[in-house]
Amino acid sequence: MSDKGKTAQRGTGTRLVEAGRRREWTQGIVNPAIWRASTILFDTVADLRAAVKRPNDGLYYGRRGTPTQWALAEALTELEPGAGGTMLYPSGVAAIAMALLAVLKPGDELLMVDSTYEPTRAFCRSVLAPMGIATRFYDPMAGAGIADLIGETTRAIFLESPGSLTFEVQDIPAICAVARERGIVTLLDNTWATPLLFPAIAKGVDFSILACTKYIVGHSDAMLGSVTVAPQWLEALRRTSFLHGQCVSPDDAWLGSRGLRTLKARLRQHGEGALAVARWLADRPEVARVLHPALPGCPGHDVWQRDFAGASGLFSFVLKGGDDAARAALIDGLEHFGIGFSWGGFESLALPIDPEGLRTATHWQAEGPAVRLHVGLEDPEDLIADLAAGLERFAALV
């Protein structure tokens, strides 16, 4: 495979296969090797001193990466048109933390979407607040109305779209337009869509954050995170990450690169299977509503239609009446759905969720208990039959 003639016009599937596979990193084999390293040896003192002056270019020290990590970072950058670079982290939470610390300082205010991932909320409360960085939560459906919330000390707006429990789809272009006018940085947790379904940098976002543990790795066997940034933010992110000693195991980076190659095919199957299950659930008498961005009843569905290239495999549904015990009976007896945190792997998962206790800027009220599903790569017909039996168990206790 030649490195010549590669252009930005290549299709997404082609880029997923070819990105990050420089000949000097692969040396003729298909996949970049796993380069494990701490100490890097130099031929002379002069070579060592030259490397110290350019620690971001070439082998320097294991914490700064090897071709194994660089290959994945380069591939993720190539998936985001207009991006300046990508940094890797040992988890999605670490990626969120470093992104926020790269742009905020004591005295600043952060606007945080109220539907955010709970560990993100906890980071604001337990890390940013003691540093003197204020967090104000806002309605995920604010759109351009975010302008009314911006204060003199507001420095950043954090988005998560769709929200990972209740799946509100934010008007990201509108929020980013307001932020650019005010000189405010925008950060998006883009884990649900990945750059394949929503190219965040091209849509105006400054920081595109992924919990690569999910769809990038795709096999539930590695923890990994990434932040891809607009060019003007790369140096600040890199400096913050290095000062905090952030680095990724080459073995985990290799698993991320391996998973990335099949991302397009997996996302398509996750999306098709989830939509089939969601539509079936929407017609069930035991279900009050289904929160799937591709269905009209989901908040922000029209924005999803306009901005997204498709849907992934994660969504929620609300039951009609019942209590926690009835919901547990539904979930506990499922044969094809595991019970556990995270998502994005090949296996389906079911999780009881209770968003009402997490909101501070908006109010969540539901007709009954809620369940979040991740639809894996199993046959949808088997998952539907499994859920049908589960809903019968639920109905028997209502």
Protein backbone atom coordinates (compact mmCIF):
# COMPACT_ATOMS: atom_id res chain seq x y z
CA MET A 1 0.00 0.00 0.00
CA SER A 2 1.48 3.32 -1.07
CA ASP A 3 1.32 6.52 1.00
CA LYS A 4 1.15 8.55 -2.19
CA GLY A 5 -2.00 10.10 -3.57
CA LYS A 6 -4.01 10.06 -0.35
CA THR A 7 -6.57 12.86 -0.24
CA ALA A 8 -9.21 14.16 2.12
CA GLN A 9 -11.84 13.07 -0.40
CA ARG A 10 -11.50 9.39 0.49
CA GLY A 11 -14.65 7.78 1.82
CA THR A 12 -15.10 7.15 5.53
CA GLY A 13 -14.65 3.40 5.23
CA THR A 14 -11.42 3.84 3.28
CA ARG A 15 -10.07 6.30 5.83
CA LEU A 16 -10.92 3.92 8.67
CA VAL A 17 -8.90 1.19 6.99
CA GLU A 18 -5.92 3.29 5.93
CA ALA A 19 -5.52 6.04 8.54
CA GLY A 20 -2.59 5.83 10.93
CA ARG A 21 -0.81 3.14 8.91
CA ARG A 22 2.29 5.04 7.83
CA ARG A 23 4.90 2.79 6.26
CA GLU A 24 7.52 3.80 8.84
CA TRP A 25 5.16 2.59 11.57
CA THR A 26 4.00 -0.64 9.94
CA GLN A 27 7.26 -1.59 8.15
CA GLY A 28 5.24 -3.53 5.60
CA ILE A 29 2.92 -5.46 7.92
CA VAL A 30 -0.80 -4.74 7.98
CA ASN A 31 -1.09 -3.37 11.53
CA PRO A 32 1.31 -1.10 13.43
CA ALA A 33 3.16 -3.22 15.96
CA ILE A 34 2.88 -2.84 19.73
CA TRP A 35 5.86 -0.69 20.73
CA ARG A 36 6.28 -0.99 24.52
CA ALA A 37 8.79 1.48 25.85
CA SER A 38 9.82 3.61 28.79
CA THR A 39 13.45 4.57 28.13
CA ILE A 40 14.44 5.59 24.61
CA LEU A 41 18.16 5.19 23.88
CA PHE A 42 20.11 7.76 21.85
CA ASP A 43 23.36 7.27 19.98
CA THR A 44 24.98 10.44 21.30
CA VAL A 45 24.52 13.20 23.85
CA ALA A 46 23.83 15.53 20.93
CA ASP A 47 20.99 13.29 19.75
CA LEU A 48 19.48 13.22 23.24
CA ARG A 49 19.65 17.02 23.51
CA ALA A 50 18.06 17.41 20.10
CA ALA A 51 15.18 15.16 21.18
CA VAL A 52 14.67 17.23 24.33
CA LYS A 53 14.13 20.28 22.13
CA ARG A 54 11.47 18.51 20.06
CA PRO A 55 9.61 16.19 22.50
CA ASN A 56 6.50 16.16 20.31
CA ASP A 57 8.31 14.92 17.22
CA GLY A 58 9.75 11.41 17.23
CA LEU A 59 10.72 9.01 20.00
CA TYR A 60 11.65 10.83 23.19
CA TYR A 61 10.36 8.99 26.27
CA GLY A 62 7.73 6.27 26.64
CA ARG A 63 5.24 8.59 28.31
CA ARG A 64 5.21 10.76 25.18
CA GLY A 65 4.17 7.81 23.01
CA THR A 66 5.45 5.42 20.39
CA PRO A 67 4.20 4.61 16.88
CA THR A 68 1.49 2.44 18.46
CA GLN A 69 -0.17 5.42 20.14
CA TRP A 70 0.65 7.84 17.31
CA ALA A 71 -1.09 5.58 14.77
CA LEU A 72 -4.39 5.66 16.66
CA ALA A 73 -4.17 9.39 17.37
CA GLU A 74 -3.47 10.15 13.72
CA ALA A 75 -6.36 7.96 12.57
CA LEU A 76 -8.81 9.66 14.95
CA THR A 77 -7.63 13.07 13.79
CA GLU A 78 -8.18 12.10 10.17
CA LEU A 79 -11.81 11.22 10.94
CA GLU A 80 -12.47 14.83 12.02
CA PRO A 81 -12.16 17.21 9.03
CA GLY A 82 -10.51 20.44 10.14
CA ALA A 83 -8.94 18.98 13.28
CA GLY A 84 -5.46 19.89 14.44
CA GLY A 85 -4.61 16.73 16.38
CA THR A 86 -5.65 14.15 18.96
CA MET A 87 -4.46 13.22 22.43
CA LEU A 88 -5.12 9.80 23.96
CA TYR A 89 -6.07 9.01 27.58
CA PRO A 90 -6.53 5.93 29.76
CA SER A 91 -10.32 6.45 29.96
CA GLY A 92 -13.11 8.65 28.72
CA VAL A 93 -13.31 10.39 32.11
CA ALA A 94 -9.62 11.24 31.91
CA ALA A 95 -10.21 12.69 28.44
CA ILE A 96 -13.03 14.90 29.76
CA ALA A 97 -10.91 16.02 32.71
CA MET A 98 -7.92 17.01 30.59
CA ALA A 99 -10.06 18.82 28.05
CA LEU A 100 -11.70 20.91 30.77
CA LEU A 101 -8.44 21.65 32.56
CA ALA A 102 -6.85 22.74 29.29
CA VAL A 103 -9.32 25.64 28.93
CA LEU A 104 -10.37 26.62 32.47
CA LYS A 105 -8.60 28.43 35.30
CA PRO A 106 -9.67 29.66 38.77
CA GLY A 107 -12.32 32.34 38.49
CA ASP A 108 -13.80 30.96 35.27
CA GLU A 109 -17.31 29.66 34.79
CA LEU A 110 -18.29 26.55 32.85
CA LEU A 111 -21.73 26.05 31.34
CA MET A 112 -22.48 22.33 31.59
CA VAL A 113 -25.43 20.57 29.95
CA ASP A 114 -27.83 19.19 32.56
CA SER A 115 -28.14 15.81 30.80
CA THR A 116 -24.43 15.10 31.11
CA TYR A 117 -22.77 11.81 32.07
CA GLU A 118 -22.73 11.54 35.88
CA PRO A 119 -18.90 11.26 36.21
CA THR A 120 -18.62 14.56 34.30
CA ARG A 121 -20.96 16.18 36.81
CA ALA A 122 -18.94 14.68 39.67
CA PHE A 123 -15.70 16.09 38.20
CA CYS A 124 -17.22 19.57 38.14
CA ARG A 125 -18.40 19.22 41.74
CA SER A 126 -15.35 17.53 43.25
CA VAL A 127 -12.42 18.86 41.21
CA LEU A 128 -13.36 22.09 39.46
CA ALA A 129 -15.28 23.64 42.36
CA PRO A 130 -12.41 23.35 44.89
CA MET A 131 -10.15 24.96 42.25
CA GLY A 132 -12.40 28.01 42.16
CA ILE A 133 -14.02 27.13 38.81
CA ALA A 134 -17.79 27.54 38.89
CA THR A 135 -20.16 25.26 36.98
CA ARG A 136 -23.66 26.32 35.95
CA PHE A 137 -25.94 23.68 34.44
CA TYR A 138 -28.24 24.46 31.53
CA ASP A 139 -31.20 22.92 29.72
CA PRO A 140 -29.99 20.62 26.92
CA MET A 141 -32.68 22.10 24.66
CA ALA A 142 -31.40 25.67 25.09
CA GLY A 143 -30.01 25.95 21.54
CA ALA A 144 -29.21 29.54 20.57
CA GLY A 145 -30.85 30.61 23.83
CA ILE A 146 -27.56 29.70 25.49
CA ALA A 147 -26.64 33.33 24.77
CA ASP A 148 -28.86 34.44 27.66
CA LEU A 149 -26.87 32.31 30.10
CA ILE A 150 -23.40 33.54 29.24
CA GLY A 151 -21.87 35.72 31.92
CA GLU A 152 -18.73 37.81 32.23
CA THR A 153 -16.67 34.89 33.52
CA THR A 154 -18.09 32.17 31.23
CA ARG A 155 -15.15 30.60 29.41
CA ALA A 156 -16.46 27.26 28.12
CA ILE A 157 -19.65 25.43 27.17
CA PHE A 158 -19.78 21.65 27.53
CA LEU A 159 -22.22 19.64 25.40
CA GLU A 160 -23.24 15.99 25.33
CA SER A 161 -25.53 15.10 22.47
CA PRO A 162 -27.53 12.98 22.76
CA GLY A 163 -27.50 12.83 26.56
CA SER A 164 -26.36 9.39 27.66
CA LEU A 165 -29.46 8.62 29.78
CA THR A 166 -32.34 10.69 28.41
CA PHE A 167 -31.08 11.30 24.84
CA GLU A 168 -31.96 14.95 24.25
CA VAL A 169 -30.29 16.04 21.00
CA GLN A 170 -28.71 19.47 21.33
CA ASP A 171 -28.57 22.11 18.59
CA ILE A 172 -24.79 22.02 18.49
CA PRO A 173 -24.27 24.34 15.48
CA ALA A 174 -26.47 27.02 17.10
CA ILE A 175 -24.65 26.81 20.43
CA CYS A 176 -21.24 26.85 18.72
CA ALA A 177 -22.21 29.91 16.68
CA VAL A 178 -23.08 31.82 19.86
CA ALA A 179 -19.88 30.63 21.53
CA ARG A 180 -17.69 31.77 18.63
CA GLU A 181 -19.26 35.24 18.70
CA ARG A 182 -18.46 35.53 22.42
CA GLY A 183 -14.97 33.98 22.25
CA ILE A 184 -16.04 30.97 24.30
CA VAL A 185 -14.65 27.47 23.77
CA THR A 186 -16.99 24.52 23.12
CA LEU A 187 -16.42 20.93 24.22
CA LEU A 188 -18.57 17.98 23.12
CA ASP A 189 -18.81 14.47 24.49
CA ASN A 190 -19.35 12.80 21.09
CA THR A 191 -19.16 9.19 22.28
CA TRP A 192 -22.69 8.21 21.18
CA ALA A 193 -22.25 9.29 17.56
CA THR A 194 -18.47 9.14 17.01
CA PRO A 195 -17.10 11.28 14.15
CA LEU A 196 -18.72 8.90 11.66
CA LEU A 197 -22.23 10.03 12.56
CA PHE A 198 -21.38 13.56 13.70
CA PRO A 199 -18.08 15.18 12.57
CA ALA A 200 -17.87 17.57 15.50
CA ILE A 201 -14.92 19.76 14.50
CA ALA A 202 -16.44 20.44 11.09
CA LYS A 203 -19.70 21.42 12.84
CA GLY A 204 -17.92 24.12 14.84
CA VAL A 205 -16.92 22.29 18.04
CA ASP A 206 -13.47 23.08 19.48
CA PHE A 207 -12.94 19.87 21.51
CA SER A 208 -14.40 16.53 20.37
CA ILE A 209 -14.21 14.00 23.21
CA LEU A 210 -14.67 10.24 22.93
CA ALA A 211 -14.83 7.49 25.50
CA CYS A 212 -13.02 5.16 23.08
CA THR A 213 -13.77 2.37 25.57
CA LYS A 214 -17.13 2.24 23.80
CA TYR A 215 -17.45 2.10 20.01
CA ILE A 216 -13.82 2.71 19.04
CA VAL A 217 -12.49 -0.33 20.95
CA GLY A 218 -15.81 -2.07 20.34
CA HIS A 219 -15.08 -5.31 22.18
CA SER A 220 -15.42 -4.40 25.90
CA ASP A 221 -11.79 -5.27 26.59
CA ALA A 222 -9.92 -1.98 27.02
CA MET A 223 -10.29 1.42 28.69
CA LEU A 224 -9.42 4.34 26.41
CA GLY A 225 -10.30 7.98 25.76
CA SER A 226 -9.44 10.64 23.22
CA VAL A 227 -9.74 14.37 22.63
CA THR A 228 -9.52 15.74 19.09
CA VAL A 229 -9.21 19.51 18.83
CA ALA A 230 -9.34 22.42 16.45
CA PRO A 231 -5.77 23.45 15.52
CA GLN A 232 -5.58 26.47 17.87
CA TRP A 233 -6.18 24.27 20.94
CA LEU A 234 -3.71 21.46 20.32
CA GLU A 235 -0.74 22.93 22.16
CA ALA A 236 -2.79 23.82 25.25
CA LEU A 237 -4.28 20.32 25.39
CA ARG A 238 -0.91 18.66 24.84
CA ARG A 239 0.78 20.74 27.54
CA THR A 240 -1.98 20.09 30.08
CA SER A 241 -1.92 16.36 29.37
CA PHE A 242 1.86 16.06 29.66
CA LEU A 243 1.95 18.07 32.91
CA HIS A 244 -0.66 15.71 34.39
CA GLY A 245 1.36 12.67 33.33
CA GLN A 246 -1.36 11.30 31.06
CA CYS A 247 -0.35 8.38 28.88
CA VAL A 248 -1.98 5.32 27.34
CA SER A 249 -0.77 1.74 27.35
CA PRO A 250 0.46 0.74 23.87
CA ASP A 251 -1.52 -2.48 24.22
CA ASP A 252 -4.74 -0.53 24.78
CA ALA A 253 -3.94 1.86 21.93
CA TRP A 254 -3.38 -1.15 19.68
CA LEU A 255 -6.79 -2.55 20.65
CA GLY A 256 -8.28 0.84 19.83
CA SER A 257 -6.67 0.82 16.39
CA ARG A 258 -7.87 -2.71 15.75
CA GLY A 259 -11.44 -1.83 16.71
CA LEU A 260 -11.38 1.34 14.64
CA ARG A 261 -10.99 -0.59 11.37
CA THR A 262 -14.44 -2.18 11.69
CA LEU A 263 -16.21 0.84 13.22
CA LYS A 264 -18.30 1.69 10.17
CA ALA A 265 -19.67 -1.83 9.77
CA ARG A 266 -20.32 -2.24 13.49
CA LEU A 267 -22.02 1.14 13.88
CA ARG A 268 -24.33 0.35 10.98
CA GLN A 269 -25.40 -2.94 12.55
CA HIS A 270 -25.74 -1.41 16.03
CA GLY A 271 -27.88 1.37 14.58
CA GLU A 272 -30.15 -0.87 12.51
CA GLY A 273 -30.66 -3.33 15.36
CA ALA A 274 -31.37 -0.63 17.92
CA LEU A 275 -33.90 1.09 15.69
CA ALA A 276 -35.73 -2.19 15.10
CA VAL A 277 -35.90 -2.83 18.85
CA ALA A 278 -36.89 0.79 19.61
CA ARG A 279 -39.75 0.75 17.09
CA TRP A 280 -41.03 -2.52 18.51
CA LEU A 281 -40.90 -1.14 22.07
CA ALA A 282 -42.77 1.99 21.00
CA ASP A 283 -45.80 -0.18 20.11
CA ARG A 284 -45.83 -2.12 23.37
CA PRO A 285 -48.65 -1.35 25.86
CA GLU A 286 -46.22 -1.60 28.82
CA VAL A 287 -44.02 1.20 27.42
CA ALA A 288 -44.88 4.86 27.94
CA ARG A 289 -42.24 6.28 25.59
CA VAL A 290 -39.01 5.43 23.85
CA LEU A 291 -36.11 7.88 23.96
CA HIS A 292 -34.29 7.20 20.71
CA PRO A 293 -33.06 10.20 18.65
CA ALA A 294 -34.32 8.64 15.41
CA LEU A 295 -37.91 8.47 16.72
CA PRO A 296 -40.16 11.56 16.55
CA GLY A 297 -40.97 11.55 20.27
CA CYS A 298 -37.37 12.08 21.35
CA PRO A 299 -36.48 15.70 22.29
CA GLY A 300 -34.39 17.19 19.49
CA HIS A 301 -35.40 14.60 16.90
CA ASP A 302 -35.60 17.30 14.22
CA VAL A 303 -32.06 18.42 15.04
CA TRP A 304 -30.88 14.81 14.84
CA GLN A 305 -32.44 14.50 11.37
CA ARG A 306 -30.68 17.67 10.24
CA ASP A 307 -27.21 17.12 11.71
CA PHE A 308 -26.52 13.41 12.17
CA ALA A 309 -25.64 10.78 9.57
CA GLY A 310 -27.30 7.99 11.53
CA ALA A 311 -27.90 6.52 14.98
CA SER A 312 -25.89 4.18 17.16
CA GLY A 313 -27.06 1.41 19.47
CA LEU A 314 -27.82 3.20 22.75
CA PHE A 315 -31.28 4.44 23.82
CA SER A 316 -33.74 4.35 26.72
CA PHE A 317 -37.39 3.58 27.30
CA VAL A 318 -39.83 4.54 30.04
CA LEU A 319 -42.27 2.01 31.44
CA LYS A 320 -45.93 2.69 32.23
CA GLY A 321 -46.27 2.63 35.98
CA GLY A 322 -44.66 -0.10 37.99
CA ASP A 323 -41.83 0.20 40.50
CA ASP A 324 -38.19 -0.71 40.86
CA ALA A 325 -39.01 -4.33 41.74
CA ALA A 326 -41.05 -4.75 38.56
CA ARG A 327 -38.28 -3.18 36.50
CA ALA A 328 -35.73 -5.50 38.15
CA ALA A 329 -37.88 -8.52 37.24
CA LEU A 330 -37.85 -7.36 33.62
CA ILE A 331 -34.07 -6.95 33.55
CA ASP A 332 -32.97 -9.85 35.75
CA GLY A 333 -34.59 -12.48 33.55
CA LEU A 334 -33.17 -11.27 30.26
CA GLU A 335 -31.18 -13.91 28.41
CA HIS A 336 -29.41 -11.88 25.72
CA PHE A 337 -28.83 -8.61 27.61
CA GLY A 338 -26.06 -8.36 30.16
CA ILE A 339 -26.45 -6.13 33.21
CA GLY A 340 -23.54 -3.74 33.50
CA PHE A 341 -22.11 -0.31 32.91
CA SER A 342 -20.56 1.05 29.74
CA TRP A 343 -21.71 0.15 26.22
CA GLY A 344 -20.40 0.05 22.66
CA GLY A 345 -19.24 -3.57 22.71
CA PHE A 346 -20.63 -6.40 20.61
CA GLU A 347 -22.92 -7.55 23.42
CA SER A 348 -26.30 -6.08 24.37
CA LEU A 349 -26.77 -4.51 27.79
CA ALA A 350 -29.71 -3.42 29.95
CA LEU A 351 -29.37 -0.94 32.80
CA PRO A 352 -31.93 0.55 35.21
CA ILE A 353 -31.66 4.35 35.13
CA ASP A 354 -33.08 7.02 37.44
CA PRO A 355 -32.33 10.44 35.94
CA GLU A 356 -34.55 12.43 38.30
CA GLY A 357 -31.93 12.59 41.06
CA LEU A 358 -29.20 13.86 38.75
CA ARG A 359 -30.76 17.07 37.34
CA THR A 360 -30.26 20.52 38.79
CA ALA A 361 -31.28 22.90 35.98
CA THR A 362 -34.17 20.90 34.54
CA HIS A 363 -36.79 18.55 35.93
CA TRP A 364 -37.08 14.94 34.81
CA GLN A 365 -40.50 13.37 35.36
CA ALA A 366 -41.53 10.03 33.93
CA GLU A 367 -44.57 7.80 33.84
CA GLY A 368 -42.66 4.95 35.43
CA PRO A 369 -39.14 3.53 35.86
CA ALA A 370 -36.74 3.72 32.95
CA VAL A 371 -34.32 1.28 31.31
CA ARG A 372 -31.35 2.03 29.10
CA LEU A 373 -30.48 -0.49 26.39
CA HIS A 374 -27.37 -0.94 24.36
CA VAL A 375 -28.24 -3.08 21.36
CA GLY A 376 -25.23 -5.14 20.36
CA LEU A 377 -24.60 -7.27 17.30
CA GLU A 378 -27.04 -10.06 18.08
CA ASP A 379 -30.03 -10.72 15.83
CA PRO A 380 -32.74 -8.15 16.66
CA GLU A 381 -35.41 -10.85 16.53
CA ASP A 382 -33.75 -12.64 19.46
CA LEU A 383 -33.47 -9.43 21.46
CA ILE A 384 -37.12 -8.57 20.80
CA ALA A 385 -38.28 -12.00 21.94
CA ASP A 386 -36.16 -11.61 25.08
CA LEU A 387 -37.67 -8.20 25.83
CA ALA A 388 -41.19 -9.47 25.16
CA ALA A 389 -40.76 -12.06 27.91
CA GLY A 390 -39.28 -9.37 30.16
CA LEU A 391 -42.23 -7.05 29.63
CA GLU A 392 -44.58 -9.90 30.53
CA ARG A 393 -42.68 -10.32 33.82
CA PHE A 394 -42.98 -6.57 34.39
CA ALA A 395 -46.72 -6.50 33.62
CA ALA A 396 -47.36 -9.36 36.06
CA LEU A 397 -46.08 -7.19 38.91
CA VAL A 398 -47.79 -3.92 38.01
